[in-house]
């Protein structure tokens, strides 16, 4: 458990933080890429989701 905690912390504070810098100014692209996922999950939460995507 200690190994996983340390690895995840290092990953988030290192790799993910660096990746985030490349996303600055690309909010509309990110939103468009996430749109199908968010639409599916908003329907799933309402109980109307199907397995077909």
PDB file of N, CA and C in Angstrom:
ATOM      1  N   UNK A   1       0.829  -1.190   0.000  1.00  0.00           N
ATOM      2  CA  UNK A   1       0.000   0.000   0.000  1.00  0.00           C
ATOM      3  C   UNK A   1       0.876   1.256   0.000  1.00  0.00           C
ATOM      4  N   UNK A   2       1.960   1.217   0.753  1.00  0.00           N
ATOM      5  CA  UNK A   2       2.871   2.353   0.803  1.00  0.00           C
ATOM      6  C   UNK A   2       3.455   2.629  -0.590  1.00  0.00           C
ATOM      7  N   UNK A   3       3.864   1.569  -1.281  1.00  0.00           N
ATOM      8  CA  UNK A   3       4.410   1.734  -2.629  1.00  0.00           C
ATOM      9  C   UNK A   3       3.400   2.409  -3.544  1.00  0.00           C
ATOM     10  N   UNK A   4       2.168   1.935  -3.542  1.00  0.00           N
ATOM     11  CA  UNK A   4       1.141   2.510  -4.420  1.00  0.00           C
ATOM     12  C   UNK A   4       0.853   3.965  -4.080  1.00  0.00           C
ATOM     13  N   UNK A   5       0.800   4.283  -2.807  1.00  0.00           N
ATOM     14  CA  UNK A   5       0.559   5.660  -2.380  1.00  0.00           C
ATOM     15  C   UNK A   5       1.675   6.576  -2.848  1.00  0.00           C
ATOM     16  N   UNK A   6       2.912   6.144  -2.675  1.00  0.00           N
ATOM     17  CA  UNK A   6       4.059   6.953  -3.102  1.00  0.00           C
ATOM     18  C   UNK A   6       4.103   7.081  -4.619  1.00  0.00           C
ATOM     19  N   UNK A   7       3.844   5.982  -5.320  1.00  0.00           N
ATOM     20  CA  UNK A   7       3.875   6.016  -6.783  1.00  0.00           C
ATOM     21  C   UNK A   7       2.793   6.946  -7.321  1.00  0.00           C
ATOM     22  N   UNK A   8       1.592   6.826  -6.809  1.00  0.00           N
ATOM     23  CA  UNK A   8       0.491   7.663  -7.284  1.00  0.00           C
ATOM     24  C   UNK A   8       0.762   9.135  -7.002  1.00  0.00           C
ATOM     25  N   UNK A   9       1.252   9.441  -5.830  1.00  0.00           N
ATOM     26  CA  UNK A   9       1.575  10.822  -5.488  1.00  0.00           C
ATOM     27  C   UNK A   9       2.637  11.372  -6.432  1.00  0.00           C
ATOM     28  N   UNK A  10       3.696  10.608  -6.657  1.00  0.00           N
ATOM     29  CA  UNK A  10       4.761  11.039  -7.561  1.00  0.00           C
ATOM     30  C   UNK A  10       4.225  11.211  -8.979  1.00  0.00           C
ATOM     31  N   UNK A  11       3.373  10.308  -9.402  1.00  0.00           N
ATOM     32  CA  UNK A  11       2.808  10.383 -10.754  1.00  0.00           C
ATOM     33  C   UNK A  11       1.960  11.639 -10.922  1.00  0.00           C
ATOM     34  N   UNK A  12       1.091  11.900  -9.978  1.00  0.00           N
ATOM     35  CA  UNK A  12       0.197  13.060 -10.073  1.00  0.00           C
ATOM     36  C   UNK A  12       0.990  14.363 -10.013  1.00  0.00           C
ATOM     37  N   UNK A  13       1.927  14.447  -9.080  1.00  0.00           N
ATOM     38  CA  UNK A  13       2.691  15.683  -8.918  1.00  0.00           C
ATOM     39  C   UNK A  13       3.760  15.859  -9.989  1.00  0.00           C
ATOM     40  N   UNK A  14       4.087  14.816 -10.700  1.00  0.00           N
ATOM     41  CA  UNK A  14       5.106  14.893 -11.743  1.00  0.00           C
ATOM     42  C   UNK A  14       4.492  14.854 -13.127  1.00  0.00           C
ATOM     43  N   UNK A  15       4.172  13.660 -13.588  1.00  0.00           N
ATOM     44  CA  UNK A  15       3.678  13.468 -14.949  1.00  0.00           C
ATOM     45  C   UNK A  15       2.383  14.230 -15.216  1.00  0.00           C
ATOM     46  N   UNK A  16       1.405  14.080 -14.346  1.00  0.00           N
ATOM     47  CA  UNK A  16       0.119  14.738 -14.580  1.00  0.00           C
ATOM     48  C   UNK A  16       0.240  16.253 -14.532  1.00  0.00           C
ATOM     49  N   UNK A  17       1.054  16.756 -13.622  1.00  0.00           N
ATOM     50  CA  UNK A  17       1.236  18.206 -13.518  1.00  0.00           C
ATOM     51  C   UNK A  17       1.864  18.749 -14.804  1.00  0.00           C
ATOM     52  N   UNK A  18       2.858  18.050 -15.330  1.00  0.00           N
ATOM     53  CA  UNK A  18       3.490  18.466 -16.587  1.00  0.00           C
ATOM     54  C   UNK A  18       2.517  18.383 -17.753  1.00  0.00           C
ATOM     55  N   UNK A  19       1.695  17.371 -17.771  1.00  0.00           N
ATOM     56  CA  UNK A  19       0.695  17.210 -18.821  1.00  0.00           C
ATOM     57  C   UNK A  19      -0.311  18.362 -18.763  1.00  0.00           C
ATOM     58  N   UNK A  20      -0.677  18.757 -17.588  1.00  0.00           N
ATOM     59  CA  UNK A  20      -1.637  19.844 -17.419  1.00  0.00           C
ATOM     60  C   UNK A  20      -1.174  21.144 -18.043  1.00  0.00           C
ATOM     61  N   UNK A  21       0.132  21.404 -17.988  1.00  0.00           N
ATOM     62  CA  UNK A  21       0.669  22.629 -18.579  1.00  0.00           C
ATOM     63  C   UNK A  21       0.417  22.683 -20.084  1.00  0.00           C
ATOM     64  N   UNK A  22       0.419  21.539 -20.733  1.00  0.00           N
ATOM     65  CA  UNK A  22       0.198  21.519 -22.183  1.00  0.00           C
ATOM     66  C   UNK A  22      -1.273  21.713 -22.543  1.00  0.00           C
ATOM     67  N   UNK A  23      -2.155  21.666 -21.545  1.00  0.00           N
ATOM     68  CA  UNK A  23      -3.587  21.817 -21.793  1.00  0.00           C
ATOM     69  C   UNK A  23      -4.081  23.253 -21.624  1.00  0.00           C
ATOM     70  N   UNK A  24      -3.235  24.124 -21.105  1.00  0.00           N
ATOM     71  CA  UNK A  24      -3.624  25.514 -20.884  1.00  0.00           C
ATOM     72  C   UNK A  24      -4.001  26.148 -22.226  1.00  0.00           C
ATOM     73  N   UNK A  25      -5.148  26.793 -22.260  1.00  0.00           N
ATOM     74  CA  UNK A  25      -5.616  27.452 -23.472  1.00  0.00           C
ATOM     75  C   UNK A  25      -6.357  26.525 -24.419  1.00  0.00           C
ATOM     76  N   UNK A  26      -6.551  25.276 -24.035  1.00  0.00           N
ATOM     77  CA  UNK A  26      -7.218  24.311 -24.913  1.00  0.00           C
ATOM     78  C   UNK A  26      -8.527  23.823 -24.292  1.00  0.00           C
ATOM     79  N   UNK A  27      -9.149  24.673 -23.494  1.00  0.00           N
ATOM     80  CA  UNK A  27     -10.341  24.277 -22.767  1.00  0.00           C
ATOM     81  C   UNK A  27     -11.473  23.838 -23.684  1.00  0.00           C
ATOM     82  N   UNK A  28     -11.676  24.525 -24.805  1.00  0.00           N
ATOM     83  CA  UNK A  28     -12.779  24.147 -25.700  1.00  0.00           C
ATOM     84  C   UNK A  28     -12.523  22.786 -26.339  1.00  0.00           C
ATOM     85  N   UNK A  29     -11.271  22.485 -26.695  1.00  0.00           N
ATOM     86  CA  UNK A  29     -10.943  21.169 -27.250  1.00  0.00           C
ATOM     87  C   UNK A  29     -11.176  20.074 -26.216  1.00  0.00           C
ATOM     88  N   UNK A  30     -10.793  20.345 -24.985  1.00  0.00           N
ATOM     89  CA  UNK A  30     -10.969  19.375 -23.910  1.00  0.00           C
ATOM     90  C   UNK A  30     -12.460  19.137 -23.663  1.00  0.00           C
ATOM     91  N   UNK A  31     -13.230  20.203 -23.636  1.00  0.00           N
ATOM     92  CA  UNK A  31     -14.671  20.076 -23.413  1.00  0.00           C
ATOM     93  C   UNK A  31     -15.315  19.259 -24.525  1.00  0.00           C
ATOM     94  N   UNK A  32     -14.931  19.487 -25.753  1.00  0.00           N
ATOM     95  CA  UNK A  32     -15.493  18.739 -26.880  1.00  0.00           C
ATOM     96  C   UNK A  32     -15.098  17.264 -26.801  1.00  0.00           C
ATOM     97  N   UNK A  33     -13.869  16.993 -26.418  1.00  0.00           N
ATOM     98  CA  UNK A  33     -13.421  15.600 -26.289  1.00  0.00           C
ATOM     99  C   UNK A  33     -14.162  14.886 -25.161  1.00  0.00           C
ATOM    100  N   UNK A  34     -14.524  15.600 -24.103  1.00  0.00           N
ATOM    101  CA  UNK A  34     -15.208  14.999 -22.959  1.00  0.00           C
ATOM    102  C   UNK A  34     -16.723  14.930 -23.133  1.00  0.00           C
ATOM    103  N   UNK A  35     -17.263  15.640 -24.119  1.00  0.00           N
ATOM    104  CA  UNK A  35     -18.716  15.739 -24.282  1.00  0.00           C
ATOM    105  C   UNK A  35     -19.430  14.383 -24.340  1.00  0.00           C
ATOM    106  N   UNK A  36     -19.001  13.422 -25.167  1.00  0.00           N
ATOM    107  CA  UNK A  36     -19.722  12.133 -25.201  1.00  0.00           C
ATOM    108  C   UNK A  36     -19.722  11.417 -23.848  1.00  0.00           C
ATOM    109  N   UNK A  37     -18.614  11.447 -23.151  1.00  0.00           N
ATOM    110  CA  UNK A  37     -18.514  10.818 -21.832  1.00  0.00           C
ATOM    111  C   UNK A  37     -19.479  11.478 -20.855  1.00  0.00           C
ATOM    112  N   UNK A  38     -19.468  12.807 -20.824  1.00  0.00           N
ATOM    113  CA  UNK A  38     -20.327  13.526 -19.884  1.00  0.00           C
ATOM    114  C   UNK A  38     -21.799  13.345 -20.217  1.00  0.00           C
ATOM    115  N   UNK A  39     -22.131  13.341 -21.505  1.00  0.00           N
ATOM    116  CA  UNK A  39     -23.526  13.131 -21.896  1.00  0.00           C
ATOM    117  C   UNK A  39     -23.983  11.737 -21.491  1.00  0.00           C
ATOM    118  N   UNK A  40     -23.162  10.745 -21.731  1.00  0.00           N
ATOM    119  CA  UNK A  40     -23.520   9.376 -21.374  1.00  0.00           C
ATOM    120  C   UNK A  40     -23.752   9.262 -19.873  1.00  0.00           C
ATOM    121  N   UNK A  41     -22.844   9.823 -19.084  1.00  0.00           N
ATOM    122  CA  UNK A  41     -22.960   9.683 -17.639  1.00  0.00           C
ATOM    123  C   UNK A  41     -24.086  10.529 -17.059  1.00  0.00           C
ATOM    124  N   UNK A  42     -24.436  11.627 -17.684  1.00  0.00           N
ATOM    125  CA  UNK A  42     -25.573  12.395 -17.170  1.00  0.00           C
ATOM    126  C   UNK A  42     -26.866  11.622 -17.420  1.00  0.00           C
ATOM    127  N   UNK A  43     -26.927  10.901 -18.533  1.00  0.00           N
ATOM    128  CA  UNK A  43     -28.090  10.055 -18.809  1.00  0.00           C
ATOM    129  C   UNK A  43     -28.071   8.843 -17.899  1.00  0.00           C
ATOM    130  N   UNK A  44     -26.902   8.254 -17.677  1.00  0.00           N
ATOM    131  CA  UNK A  44     -26.795   7.080 -16.822  1.00  0.00           C
ATOM    132  C   UNK A  44     -27.269   7.386 -15.405  1.00  0.00           C
ATOM    133  N   UNK A  45     -26.947   8.552 -14.913  1.00  0.00           N
ATOM    134  CA  UNK A  45     -27.358   8.941 -13.565  1.00  0.00           C
ATOM    135  C   UNK A  45     -28.880   9.117 -13.473  1.00  0.00           C
ATOM    136  N   UNK A  46     -29.494   9.470 -14.588  1.00  0.00           N
ATOM    137  CA  UNK A  46     -30.934   9.652 -14.571  1.00  0.00           C
ATOM    138  C   UNK A  46     -31.680   8.322 -14.731  1.00  0.00           C
ATOM    139  N   UNK A  47     -30.914   7.237 -14.999  1.00  0.00           N
ATOM    140  CA  UNK A  47     -31.532   5.927 -15.144  1.00  0.00           C
ATOM    141  C   UNK A  47     -31.981   5.624 -16.546  1.00  0.00           C
ATOM    142  N   UNK A  48     -31.635   6.443 -17.532  1.00  0.00           N
ATOM    143  CA  UNK A  48     -32.088   6.249 -18.907  1.00  0.00           C
ATOM    144  C   UNK A  48     -30.996   5.715 -19.826  1.00  0.00           C
ATOM    145  N   UNK A  49     -29.854   5.344 -19.292  1.00  0.00           N
ATOM    146  CA  UNK A  49     -28.731   4.896 -20.131  1.00  0.00           C
ATOM    147  C   UNK A  49     -28.992   3.508 -20.679  1.00  0.00           C
ATOM    148  N   UNK A  50     -28.437   3.285 -21.849  1.00  0.00           N
ATOM    149  CA  UNK A  50     -28.425   1.936 -22.422  1.00  0.00           C
ATOM    150  C   UNK A  50     -26.980   1.521 -22.613  1.00  0.00           C
ATOM    151  N   UNK A  51     -26.765   0.265 -22.902  1.00  0.00           N
ATOM    152  CA  UNK A  51     -25.411  -0.229 -23.116  1.00  0.00           C
ATOM    153  C   UNK A  51     -24.890   0.122 -24.501  1.00  0.00           C
ATOM    154  N   UNK A  52     -25.719   0.568 -25.386  1.00  0.00           N
ATOM    155  CA  UNK A  52     -25.290   0.899 -26.753  1.00  0.00           C
ATOM    156  C   UNK A  52     -24.727   2.297 -26.812  1.00  0.00           C
ATOM    157  N   UNK A  53     -23.525   2.391 -27.304  1.00  0.00           N
ATOM    158  CA  UNK A  53     -22.899   3.706 -27.493  1.00  0.00           C
ATOM    159  C   UNK A  53     -22.378   3.763 -28.894  1.00  0.00           C
TER     160      UNK A  53
END
